[in-house]
Amino acid sequence: GIVSSVRRMQQGEMGWYQIDAAVNSGNSGGPLIDPETGQVLGVIT
């Protein structure tokens, strides 16, 4: 999928990525991966 939004915390710090990829019970704790680098960009919450 894609990053749909970058949600911010206090002082403009990134808080969450909103994504449109399918997330279901059991995906919690899994990696959000950059398909270009294979690196972890986040933790599915």
ModelCIF file with pLDDT and N, C-alpha, C, O atoms, coordinates in Angstrom:
data_MODEL
#
_entry.id   MODEL 
#
_entity.id                         1 
_entity.type                       polymer 
_entity.pdbx_number_of_molecules   1 
#
_entity_poly.entity_id                      1 
_entity_poly.type                           'polypeptide(L)' 
_entity_poly.nstd_linkage                   no 
_entity_poly.nstd_monomer                   no 
_entity_poly.pdbx_seq_one_letter_code       GIVSSVRRMQQGEMGWYQIDAAVNSGNSGGPLIDPETGQVLGVIT 
_entity_poly.pdbx_seq_one_letter_code_can   GIVSSVRRMQQGEMGWYQIDAAVNSGNSGGPLIDPETGQVLGVIT 
_entity_poly.pdbx_strand_id                 A 
#
loop_
_entity_poly_seq.entity_id 
_entity_poly_seq.num 
_entity_poly_seq.mon_id 
_entity_poly_seq.hetero 
1 1  GLY n 
1 2  ILE n 
1 3  VAL n 
1 4  SER n 
1 5  SER n 
1 6  VAL n 
1 7  ARG n 
1 8  ARG n 
1 9  MET n 
1 10 GLN n 
1 11 GLN n 
1 12 GLY n 
1 13 GLU n 
1 14 MET n 
1 15 GLY n 
1 16 TRP n 
1 17 TYR n 
1 18 GLN n 
1 19 ILE n 
1 20 ASP n 
1 21 ALA n 
1 22 ALA n 
1 23 VAL n 
1 24 ASN n 
1 25 SER n 
1 26 GLY n 
1 27 ASN n 
1 28 SER n 
1 29 GLY n 
1 30 GLY n 
1 31 PRO n 
1 32 LEU n 
1 33 ILE n 
1 34 ASP n 
1 35 PRO n 
1 36 GLU n 
1 37 THR n 
1 38 GLY n 
1 39 GLN n 
1 40 VAL n 
1 41 LEU n 
1 42 GLY n 
1 43 VAL n 
1 44 ILE n 
1 45 THR n 
#
_struct_asym.id          A 
_struct_asym.entity_id   1 
#
loop_
_ma_qa_metric.id 
_ma_qa_metric.mode 
_ma_qa_metric.name 
_ma_qa_metric.software_group_id 
_ma_qa_metric.type 
1 global pLDDT . pLDDT 
2 local  pLDDT . pLDDT 
#
_ma_qa_metric_global.metric_id      1 
_ma_qa_metric_global.metric_value   85.58 
_ma_qa_metric_global.model_id       1 
_ma_qa_metric_global.ordinal_id     1 
#
loop_
_ma_qa_metric_local.label_asym_id 
_ma_qa_metric_local.label_comp_id 
_ma_qa_metric_local.label_seq_id 
_ma_qa_metric_local.metric_id 
_ma_qa_metric_local.metric_value 
_ma_qa_metric_local.model_id 
_ma_qa_metric_local.ordinal_id 
A GLY 1  2 95.00 1 1  
A ILE 2  2 95.00 1 2  
A VAL 3  2 95.00 1 3  
A SER 4  2 93.00 1 4  
A SER 5  2 90.00 1 5  
A VAL 6  2 87.00 1 6  
A ARG 7  2 78.00 1 7  
A ARG 8  2 73.00 1 8  
A MET 9  2 66.00 1 9  
A GLN 10 2 65.00 1 10 
A GLN 11 2 65.00 1 11 
A GLY 12 2 60.00 1 12 
A GLU 13 2 63.00 1 13 
A MET 14 2 64.00 1 14 
A GLY 15 2 81.00 1 15 
A TRP 16 2 84.00 1 16 
A TYR 17 2 91.00 1 17 
A GLN 18 2 91.00 1 18 
A ILE 19 2 91.00 1 19 
A ASP 20 2 90.00 1 20 
A ALA 21 2 84.00 1 21 
A ALA 22 2 79.00 1 22 
A VAL 23 2 79.00 1 23 
A ASN 24 2 75.00 1 24 
A SER 25 2 75.00 1 25 
A GLY 26 2 76.00 1 26 
A ASN 27 2 81.00 1 27 
A SER 28 2 87.00 1 28 
A GLY 29 2 90.00 1 29 
A GLY 30 2 92.00 1 30 
A PRO 31 2 95.00 1 31 
A LEU 32 2 95.00 1 32 
A ILE 33 2 95.00 1 33 
A ASP 34 2 96.00 1 34 
A PRO 35 2 95.00 1 35 
A GLU 36 2 94.00 1 36 
A THR 37 2 94.00 1 37 
A GLY 38 2 94.00 1 38 
A GLN 39 2 96.00 1 39 
A VAL 40 2 96.00 1 40 
A LEU 41 2 95.00 1 41 
A GLY 42 2 95.00 1 42 
A VAL 43 2 95.00 1 43 
A ILE 44 2 92.00 1 44 
A THR 45 2 89.00 1 45 
#
loop_
_atom_site.group_PDB 
_atom_site.id 
_atom_site.type_symbol 
_atom_site.label_atom_id 
_atom_site.label_alt_id 
_atom_site.label_comp_id 
_atom_site.label_asym_id 
_atom_site.label_entity_id 
_atom_site.label_seq_id 
_atom_site.pdbx_PDB_ins_code 
_atom_site.Cartn_x 
_atom_site.Cartn_y 
_atom_site.Cartn_z 
_atom_site.occupancy 
_atom_site.B_iso_or_equiv 
_atom_site.pdbx_formal_charge 
_atom_site.auth_seq_id 
_atom_site.auth_comp_id 
_atom_site.auth_asym_id 
_atom_site.auth_atom_id 
_atom_site.pdbx_PDB_model_num 
ATOM 1   N N  . GLY A 1 1  ? 0.836  -1.182  0.000  1.00 95.00 ? 1  GLY A N  1 
ATOM 2   C CA . GLY A 1 1  ? 0.000  0.000   0.000  1.00 95.00 ? 1  GLY A CA 1 
ATOM 3   C C  . GLY A 1 1  ? 0.870  1.230   0.000  1.00 95.00 ? 1  GLY A C  1 
ATOM 4   O O  . GLY A 1 1  ? 2.004  1.213   -0.479 1.00 95.00 ? 1  GLY A O  1 
ATOM 5   N N  . ILE A 1 2  ? 0.318  2.312   0.551  1.00 95.00 ? 2  ILE A N  1 
ATOM 6   C CA . ILE A 1 2  ? 1.051  3.573   0.640  1.00 95.00 ? 2  ILE A CA 1 
ATOM 7   C C  . ILE A 1 2  ? 0.845  4.200   2.013  1.00 95.00 ? 2  ILE A C  1 
ATOM 8   O O  . ILE A 1 2  ? -0.058 3.826   2.761  1.00 95.00 ? 2  ILE A O  1 
ATOM 9   N N  . VAL A 1 3  ? 1.698  5.156   2.319  1.00 95.00 ? 3  VAL A N  1 
ATOM 10  C CA . VAL A 1 3  ? 1.485  5.992   3.497  1.00 95.00 ? 3  VAL A CA 1 
ATOM 11  C C  . VAL A 1 3  ? 0.413  7.000   3.109  1.00 95.00 ? 3  VAL A C  1 
ATOM 12  O O  . VAL A 1 3  ? 0.601  7.788   2.182  1.00 95.00 ? 3  VAL A O  1 
ATOM 13  N N  . SER A 1 4  ? -0.712 6.972   3.820  1.00 93.00 ? 4  SER A N  1 
ATOM 14  C CA . SER A 1 4  ? -1.826 7.868   3.520  1.00 93.00 ? 4  SER A CA 1 
ATOM 15  C C  . SER A 1 4  ? -1.702 9.204   4.227  1.00 93.00 ? 4  SER A C  1 
ATOM 16  O O  . SER A 1 4  ? -2.180 10.223  3.729  1.00 93.00 ? 4  SER A O  1 
ATOM 17  N N  . SER A 1 5  ? -1.050 9.202   5.408  1.00 90.00 ? 5  SER A N  1 
ATOM 18  C CA . SER A 1 5  ? -0.907 10.415  6.196  1.00 90.00 ? 5  SER A CA 1 
ATOM 19  C C  . SER A 1 5  ? 0.231  10.218  7.183  1.00 90.00 ? 5  SER A C  1 
ATOM 20  O O  . SER A 1 5  ? 0.517  9.096   7.603  1.00 90.00 ? 5  SER A O  1 
ATOM 21  N N  . VAL A 1 6  ? 0.876  11.315  7.548  1.00 87.00 ? 6  VAL A N  1 
ATOM 22  C CA . VAL A 1 6  ? 1.874  11.302  8.611  1.00 87.00 ? 6  VAL A CA 1 
ATOM 23  C C  . VAL A 1 6  ? 1.279  12.100  9.760  1.00 87.00 ? 6  VAL A C  1 
ATOM 24  O O  . VAL A 1 6  ? 1.158  13.323  9.690  1.00 87.00 ? 6  VAL A O  1 
ATOM 25  N N  . ARG A 1 7  ? 0.912  11.390  10.817 1.00 78.00 ? 7  ARG A N  1 
ATOM 26  C CA . ARG A 1 7  ? 0.290  12.018  11.983 1.00 78.00 ? 7  ARG A CA 1 
ATOM 27  C C  . ARG A 1 7  ? 1.378  12.514  12.922 1.00 78.00 ? 7  ARG A C  1 
ATOM 28  O O  . ARG A 1 7  ? 2.395  11.844  13.108 1.00 78.00 ? 7  ARG A O  1 
ATOM 29  N N  . ARG A 1 8  ? 1.170  13.671  13.508 1.00 73.00 ? 8  ARG A N  1 
ATOM 30  C CA . ARG A 1 8  ? 2.195  14.316  14.337 1.00 73.00 ? 8  ARG A CA 1 
ATOM 31  C C  . ARG A 1 8  ? 1.839  14.278  15.817 1.00 73.00 ? 8  ARG A C  1 
ATOM 32  O O  . ARG A 1 8  ? 0.669  14.189  16.191 1.00 73.00 ? 8  ARG A O  1 
ATOM 33  N N  . MET A 1 9  ? 2.882  14.349  16.655 1.00 66.00 ? 9  MET A N  1 
ATOM 34  C CA . MET A 1 9  ? 2.720  14.493  18.102 1.00 66.00 ? 9  MET A CA 1 
ATOM 35  C C  . MET A 1 9  ? 3.087  15.931  18.447 1.00 66.00 ? 9  MET A C  1 
ATOM 36  O O  . MET A 1 9  ? 3.151  16.790  17.568 1.00 66.00 ? 9  MET A O  1 
ATOM 37  N N  . GLN A 1 10 ? 3.328  16.189  19.723 1.00 65.00 ? 10 GLN A N  1 
ATOM 38  C CA . GLN A 1 10 ? 3.711  17.534  20.144 1.00 65.00 ? 10 GLN A CA 1 
ATOM 39  C C  . GLN A 1 10 ? 5.009  17.962  19.458 1.00 65.00 ? 10 GLN A C  1 
ATOM 40  O O  . GLN A 1 10 ? 5.842  17.124  19.114 1.00 65.00 ? 10 GLN A O  1 
ATOM 41  N N  . GLN A 1 11 ? 5.169  19.230  19.267 1.00 65.00 ? 11 GLN A N  1 
ATOM 42  C CA . GLN A 1 11 ? 6.327  19.854  18.625 1.00 65.00 ? 11 GLN A CA 1 
ATOM 43  C C  . GLN A 1 11 ? 6.579  19.298  17.222 1.00 65.00 ? 11 GLN A C  1 
ATOM 44  O O  . GLN A 1 11 ? 7.716  19.311  16.751 1.00 65.00 ? 11 GLN A O  1 
ATOM 45  N N  . GLY A 1 12 ? 5.543  18.816  16.556 1.00 60.00 ? 12 GLY A N  1 
ATOM 46  C CA . GLY A 1 12 ? 5.651  18.386  15.173 1.00 60.00 ? 12 GLY A CA 1 
ATOM 47  C C  . GLY A 1 12 ? 6.337  17.058  14.946 1.00 60.00 ? 12 GLY A C  1 
ATOM 48  O O  . GLY A 1 12 ? 6.554  16.670  13.798 1.00 60.00 ? 12 GLY A O  1 
ATOM 49  N N  . GLU A 1 13 ? 6.689  16.339  16.021 1.00 63.00 ? 13 GLU A N  1 
ATOM 50  C CA . GLU A 1 13 ? 7.365  15.050  15.879 1.00 63.00 ? 13 GLU A CA 1 
ATOM 51  C C  . GLU A 1 13 ? 6.409  14.016  15.295 1.00 63.00 ? 13 GLU A C  1 
ATOM 52  O O  . GLU A 1 13 ? 5.219  14.009  15.611 1.00 63.00 ? 13 GLU A O  1 
ATOM 53  N N  . MET A 1 14 ? 6.944  13.135  14.435 1.00 64.00 ? 14 MET A N  1 
ATOM 54  C CA . MET A 1 14 ? 6.120  12.082  13.870 1.00 64.00 ? 14 MET A CA 1 
ATOM 55  C C  . MET A 1 14 ? 5.557  11.211  14.982 1.00 64.00 ? 14 MET A C  1 
ATOM 56  O O  . MET A 1 14 ? 6.269  10.854  15.920 1.00 64.00 ? 14 MET A O  1 
ATOM 57  N N  . GLY A 1 15 ? 4.288  10.873  14.877 1.00 81.00 ? 15 GLY A N  1 
ATOM 58  C CA . GLY A 1 15 ? 3.650  10.020  15.857 1.00 81.00 ? 15 GLY A CA 1 
ATOM 59  C C  . GLY A 1 15 ? 3.228  8.688   15.277 1.00 81.00 ? 15 GLY A C  1 
ATOM 60  O O  . GLY A 1 15 ? 3.485  7.638   15.865 1.00 81.00 ? 15 GLY A O  1 
ATOM 61  N N  . TRP A 1 16 ? 2.569  8.728   14.104 1.00 84.00 ? 16 TRP A N  1 
ATOM 62  C CA . TRP A 1 16 ? 2.087  7.530   13.430 1.00 84.00 ? 16 TRP A CA 1 
ATOM 63  C C  . TRP A 1 16 ? 2.090  7.755   11.932 1.00 84.00 ? 16 TRP A C  1 
ATOM 64  O O  . TRP A 1 16 ? 2.017  8.882   11.441 1.00 84.00 ? 16 TRP A O  1 
ATOM 65  N N  . TYR A 1 17 ? 2.178  6.641   11.226 1.00 91.00 ? 17 TYR A N  1 
ATOM 66  C CA . TYR A 1 17 ? 1.864  6.637   9.805  1.00 91.00 ? 17 TYR A CA 1 
ATOM 67  C C  . TYR A 1 17 ? 0.467  6.059   9.679  1.00 91.00 ? 17 TYR A C  1 
ATOM 68  O O  . TYR A 1 17 ? 0.160  5.021   10.266 1.00 91.00 ? 17 TYR A O  1 
ATOM 69  N N  . GLN A 1 18 ? -0.375 6.730   8.914  1.00 91.00 ? 18 GLN A N  1 
ATOM 70  C CA . GLN A 1 18 ? -1.643 6.130   8.519  1.00 91.00 ? 18 GLN A CA 1 
ATOM 71  C C  . GLN A 1 18 ? -1.371 5.450   7.193  1.00 91.00 ? 18 GLN A C  1 
ATOM 72  O O  . GLN A 1 18 ? -0.805 6.059   6.285  1.00 91.00 ? 18 GLN A O  1 
ATOM 73  N N  . ILE A 1 19 ? -1.770 4.185   7.073  1.00 91.00 ? 19 ILE A N  1 
ATOM 74  C CA . ILE A 1 19 ? -1.484 3.418   5.863  1.00 91.00 ? 19 ILE A CA 1 
ATOM 75  C C  . ILE A 1 19 ? -2.767 2.816   5.305  1.00 91.00 ? 19 ILE A C  1 
ATOM 76  O O  . ILE A 1 19 ? -3.742 2.617   6.029  1.00 91.00 ? 19 ILE A O  1 
ATOM 77  N N  . ASP A 1 20 ? -2.749 2.527   4.000  1.00 90.00 ? 20 ASP A N  1 
ATOM 78  C CA . ASP A 1 20 ? -3.937 1.934   3.382  1.00 90.00 ? 20 ASP A CA 1 
ATOM 79  C C  . ASP A 1 20 ? -3.785 0.442   3.135  1.00 90.00 ? 20 ASP A C  1 
ATOM 80  O O  . ASP A 1 20 ? -4.706 -0.178  2.604  1.00 90.00 ? 20 ASP A O  1 
ATOM 81  N N  . ALA A 1 21 ? -2.662 -0.155  3.498  1.00 84.00 ? 21 ALA A N  1 
ATOM 82  C CA . ALA A 1 21 ? -2.474 -1.604  3.360  1.00 84.00 ? 21 ALA A CA 1 
ATOM 83  C C  . ALA A 1 21 ? -3.356 -2.322  4.378  1.00 84.00 ? 21 ALA A C  1 
ATOM 84  O O  . ALA A 1 21 ? -3.643 -1.788  5.449  1.00 84.00 ? 21 ALA A O  1 
ATOM 85  N N  . ALA A 1 22 ? -3.779 -3.528  4.035  1.00 79.00 ? 22 ALA A N  1 
ATOM 86  C CA . ALA A 1 22 ? -4.647 -4.298  4.919  1.00 79.00 ? 22 ALA A CA 1 
ATOM 87  C C  . ALA A 1 22 ? -3.942 -4.605  6.238  1.00 79.00 ? 22 ALA A C  1 
ATOM 88  O O  . ALA A 1 22 ? -2.846 -5.165  6.253  1.00 79.00 ? 22 ALA A O  1 
ATOM 89  N N  . VAL A 1 23 ? -4.584 -4.233  7.339  1.00 79.00 ? 23 VAL A N  1 
ATOM 90  C CA . VAL A 1 23 ? -4.112 -4.538  8.691  1.00 79.00 ? 23 VAL A CA 1 
ATOM 91  C C  . VAL A 1 23 ? -5.263 -5.211  9.418  1.00 79.00 ? 23 VAL A C  1 
ATOM 92  O O  . VAL A 1 23 ? -6.370 -4.674  9.479  1.00 79.00 ? 23 VAL A O  1 
ATOM 93  N N  . ASN A 1 24 ? -4.997 -6.391  9.969  1.00 75.00 ? 24 ASN A N  1 
ATOM 94  C CA . ASN A 1 24 ? -6.015 -7.141  10.692 1.00 75.00 ? 24 ASN A CA 1 
ATOM 95  C C  . ASN A 1 24 ? -5.449 -7.618  12.020 1.00 75.00 ? 24 ASN A C  1 
ATOM 96  O O  . ASN A 1 24 ? -4.241 -7.547  12.245 1.00 75.00 ? 24 ASN A O  1 
ATOM 97  N N  . SER A 1 25 ? -6.324 -8.106  12.903 1.00 75.00 ? 25 SER A N  1 
ATOM 98  C CA . SER A 1 25 ? -5.853 -8.702  14.143 1.00 75.00 ? 25 SER A CA 1 
ATOM 99  C C  . SER A 1 25 ? -4.819 -9.761  13.785 1.00 75.00 ? 25 SER A C  1 
ATOM 100 O O  . SER A 1 25 ? -5.037 -10.562 12.876 1.00 75.00 ? 25 SER A O  1 
ATOM 101 N N  . GLY A 1 26 ? -3.716 -9.767  14.481 1.00 76.00 ? 26 GLY A N  1 
ATOM 102 C CA . GLY A 1 26 ? -2.623 -10.684 14.173 1.00 76.00 ? 26 GLY A CA 1 
ATOM 103 C C  . GLY A 1 26 ? -1.482 -9.992  13.452 1.00 76.00 ? 26 GLY A C  1 
ATOM 104 O O  . GLY A 1 26 ? -0.342 -10.453 13.524 1.00 76.00 ? 26 GLY A O  1 
ATOM 105 N N  . ASN A 1 27 ? -1.766 -8.879  12.748 1.00 81.00 ? 27 ASN A N  1 
ATOM 106 C CA . ASN A 1 27 ? -0.704 -8.079  12.124 1.00 81.00 ? 27 ASN A CA 1 
ATOM 107 C C  . ASN A 1 27 ? 0.001  -7.196  13.152 1.00 81.00 ? 27 ASN A C  1 
ATOM 108 O O  . ASN A 1 27 ? 1.111  -6.724  12.908 1.00 81.00 ? 27 ASN A O  1 
ATOM 109 N N  . SER A 1 28 ? -0.634 -6.974  14.289 1.00 87.00 ? 28 SER A N  1 
ATOM 110 C CA . SER A 1 28 ? -0.066 -6.098  15.313 1.00 87.00 ? 28 SER A CA 1 
ATOM 111 C C  . SER A 1 28 ? 1.355  -6.517  15.655 1.00 87.00 ? 28 SER A C  1 
ATOM 112 O O  . SER A 1 28 ? 1.629  -7.693  15.892 1.00 87.00 ? 28 SER A O  1 
ATOM 113 N N  . GLY A 1 29 ? 2.255  -5.540  15.677 1.00 90.00 ? 29 GLY A N  1 
ATOM 114 C CA . GLY A 1 29 ? 3.650  -5.791  16.004 1.00 90.00 ? 29 GLY A CA 1 
ATOM 115 C C  . GLY A 1 29 ? 4.507  -6.138  14.815 1.00 90.00 ? 29 GLY A C  1 
ATOM 116 O O  . GLY A 1 29 ? 5.723  -6.278  14.947 1.00 90.00 ? 29 GLY A O  1 
ATOM 117 N N  . GLY A 1 30 ? 3.896  -6.280  13.651 1.00 92.00 ? 30 GLY A N  1 
ATOM 118 C CA . GLY A 1 30 ? 4.658  -6.626  12.450 1.00 92.00 ? 30 GLY A CA 1 
ATOM 119 C C  . GLY A 1 30 ? 5.378  -5.420  11.872 1.00 92.00 ? 30 GLY A C  1 
ATOM 120 O O  . GLY A 1 30 ? 5.086  -4.282  12.239 1.00 92.00 ? 30 GLY A O  1 
ATOM 121 N N  . PRO A 1 31 ? 6.318  -5.667  10.967 1.00 95.00 ? 31 PRO A N  1 
ATOM 122 C CA . PRO A 1 31 ? 7.087  -4.572  10.382 1.00 95.00 ? 31 PRO A CA 1 
ATOM 123 C C  . PRO A 1 31 ? 6.362  -3.886  9.227  1.00 95.00 ? 31 PRO A C  1 
ATOM 124 O O  . PRO A 1 31 ? 5.687  -4.527  8.421  1.00 95.00 ? 31 PRO A O  1 
ATOM 125 N N  . LEU A 1 32 ? 6.519  -2.573  9.171  1.00 95.00 ? 32 LEU A N  1 
ATOM 126 C CA . LEU A 1 32 ? 6.140  -1.772  8.012  1.00 95.00 ? 32 LEU A CA 1 
ATOM 127 C C  . LEU A 1 32 ? 7.435  -1.610  7.223  1.00 95.00 ? 32 LEU A C  1 
ATOM 128 O O  . LEU A 1 32 ? 8.401  -1.040  7.731  1.00 95.00 ? 32 LEU A O  1 
ATOM 129 N N  . ILE A 1 33 ? 7.465  -2.103  5.995  1.00 95.00 ? 33 ILE A N  1 
ATOM 130 C CA . ILE A 1 33 ? 8.716  -2.232  5.244  1.00 95.00 ? 33 ILE A CA 1 
ATOM 131 C C  . ILE A 1 33 ? 8.744  -1.307  4.046  1.00 95.00 ? 33 ILE A C  1 
ATOM 132 O O  . ILE A 1 33 ? 7.740  -1.114  3.361  1.00 95.00 ? 33 ILE A O  1 
ATOM 133 N N  . ASP A 1 34 ? 9.923  -0.733  3.806  1.00 96.00 ? 34 ASP A N  1 
ATOM 134 C CA . ASP A 1 34 ? 10.190 0.036   2.595  1.00 96.00 ? 34 ASP A CA 1 
ATOM 135 C C  . ASP A 1 34 ? 10.516 -0.971  1.494  1.00 96.00 ? 34 ASP A C  1 
ATOM 136 O O  . ASP A 1 34 ? 11.539 -1.650  1.585  1.00 96.00 ? 34 ASP A O  1 
ATOM 137 N N  . PRO A 1 35 ? 9.678  -1.094  0.449  1.00 95.00 ? 35 PRO A N  1 
ATOM 138 C CA . PRO A 1 35 ? 9.934  -2.098  -0.590 1.00 95.00 ? 35 PRO A CA 1 
ATOM 139 C C  . PRO A 1 35 ? 11.199 -1.820  -1.407 1.00 95.00 ? 35 PRO A C  1 
ATOM 140 O O  . PRO A 1 35 ? 11.732 -2.724  -2.051 1.00 95.00 ? 35 PRO A O  1 
ATOM 141 N N  . GLU A 1 36 ? 11.678 -0.583  -1.382 1.00 94.00 ? 36 GLU A N  1 
ATOM 142 C CA . GLU A 1 36 ? 12.891 -0.256  -2.144 1.00 94.00 ? 36 GLU A CA 1 
ATOM 143 C C  . GLU A 1 36 ? 14.156 -0.710  -1.431 1.00 94.00 ? 36 GLU A C  1 
ATOM 144 O O  . GLU A 1 36 ? 15.109 -1.146  -2.077 1.00 94.00 ? 36 GLU A O  1 
ATOM 145 N N  . THR A 1 37 ? 14.176 -0.612  -0.096 1.00 94.00 ? 37 THR A N  1 
ATOM 146 C CA . THR A 1 37 ? 15.387 -0.934  0.672  1.00 94.00 ? 37 THR A CA 1 
ATOM 147 C C  . THR A 1 37 ? 15.277 -2.212  1.486  1.00 94.00 ? 37 THR A C  1 
ATOM 148 O O  . THR A 1 37 ? 16.294 -2.791  1.866  1.00 94.00 ? 37 THR A O  1 
ATOM 149 N N  . GLY A 1 38 ? 14.057 -2.662  1.759  1.00 94.00 ? 38 GLY A N  1 
ATOM 150 C CA . GLY A 1 38 ? 13.846 -3.816  2.616  1.00 94.00 ? 38 GLY A CA 1 
ATOM 151 C C  . GLY A 1 38 ? 13.975 -3.490  4.093  1.00 94.00 ? 38 GLY A C  1 
ATOM 152 O O  . GLY A 1 38 ? 13.904 -4.386  4.934  1.00 94.00 ? 38 GLY A O  1 
ATOM 153 N N  . GLN A 1 39 ? 14.163 -2.223  4.419  1.00 96.00 ? 39 GLN A N  1 
ATOM 154 C CA . GLN A 1 39 ? 14.320 -1.808  5.814  1.00 96.00 ? 39 GLN A CA 1 
ATOM 155 C C  . GLN A 1 39 ? 12.960 -1.561  6.472  1.00 96.00 ? 39 GLN A C  1 
ATOM 156 O O  . GLN A 1 39 ? 11.965 -1.277  5.806  1.00 96.00 ? 39 GLN A O  1 
ATOM 157 N N  . VAL A 1 40 ? 12.952 -1.678  7.802  1.00 96.00 ? 40 VAL A N  1 
ATOM 158 C CA . VAL A 1 40 ? 11.749 -1.423  8.580  1.00 96.00 ? 40 VAL A CA 1 
ATOM 159 C C  . VAL A 1 40 ? 11.565 0.079   8.750  1.00 96.00 ? 40 VAL A C  1 
ATOM 160 O O  . VAL A 1 40 ? 12.465 0.774   9.221  1.00 96.00 ? 40 VAL A O  1 
ATOM 161 N N  . LEU A 1 41 ? 10.391 0.574   8.362  1.00 95.00 ? 41 LEU A N  1 
ATOM 162 C CA . LEU A 1 41 ? 10.037 1.983   8.537  1.00 95.00 ? 41 LEU A CA 1 
ATOM 163 C C  . LEU A 1 41 ? 9.165  2.201   9.761  1.00 95.00 ? 41 LEU A C  1 
ATOM 164 O O  . LEU A 1 41 ? 9.057  3.325   10.252 1.00 95.00 ? 41 LEU A O  1 
ATOM 165 N N  . GLY A 1 42 ? 8.535  1.134   10.264 1.00 95.00 ? 42 GLY A N  1 
ATOM 166 C CA . GLY A 1 42 ? 7.655  1.295   11.404 1.00 95.00 ? 42 GLY A CA 1 
ATOM 167 C C  . GLY A 1 42 ? 7.174  -0.030  11.946 1.00 95.00 ? 42 GLY A C  1 
ATOM 168 O O  . GLY A 1 42 ? 7.477  -1.093  11.403 1.00 95.00 ? 42 GLY A O  1 
ATOM 169 N N  . VAL A 1 43 ? 6.411  0.052   13.037 1.00 95.00 ? 43 VAL A N  1 
ATOM 170 C CA . VAL A 1 43 ? 5.811  -1.111  13.690 1.00 95.00 ? 43 VAL A CA 1 
ATOM 171 C C  . VAL A 1 43 ? 4.295  -0.960  13.581 1.00 95.00 ? 43 VAL A C  1 
ATOM 172 O O  . VAL A 1 43 ? 3.735  0.035   14.039 1.00 95.00 ? 43 VAL A O  1 
ATOM 173 N N  . ILE A 1 44 ? 3.634  -1.942  12.977 1.00 92.00 ? 44 ILE A N  1 
ATOM 174 C CA . ILE A 1 44 ? 2.185  -1.912  12.830 1.00 92.00 ? 44 ILE A CA 1 
ATOM 175 C C  . ILE A 1 44 ? 1.554  -1.914  14.223 1.00 92.00 ? 44 ILE A C  1 
ATOM 176 O O  . ILE A 1 44 ? 1.893  -2.746  15.065 1.00 92.00 ? 44 ILE A O  1 
ATOM 177 N N  . THR A 1 45 ? 0.634  -0.974  14.459 1.00 89.00 ? 45 THR A N  1 
ATOM 178 C CA . THR A 1 45 ? 0.054  -0.863  15.800 1.00 89.00 ? 45 THR A CA 1 
ATOM 179 C C  . THR A 1 45 ? -1.451 -1.112  15.847 1.00 89.00 ? 45 THR A C  1 
ATOM 180 O O  . THR A 1 45 ? -2.055 -1.047  16.917 1.00 89.00 ? 45 THR A O  1 
#
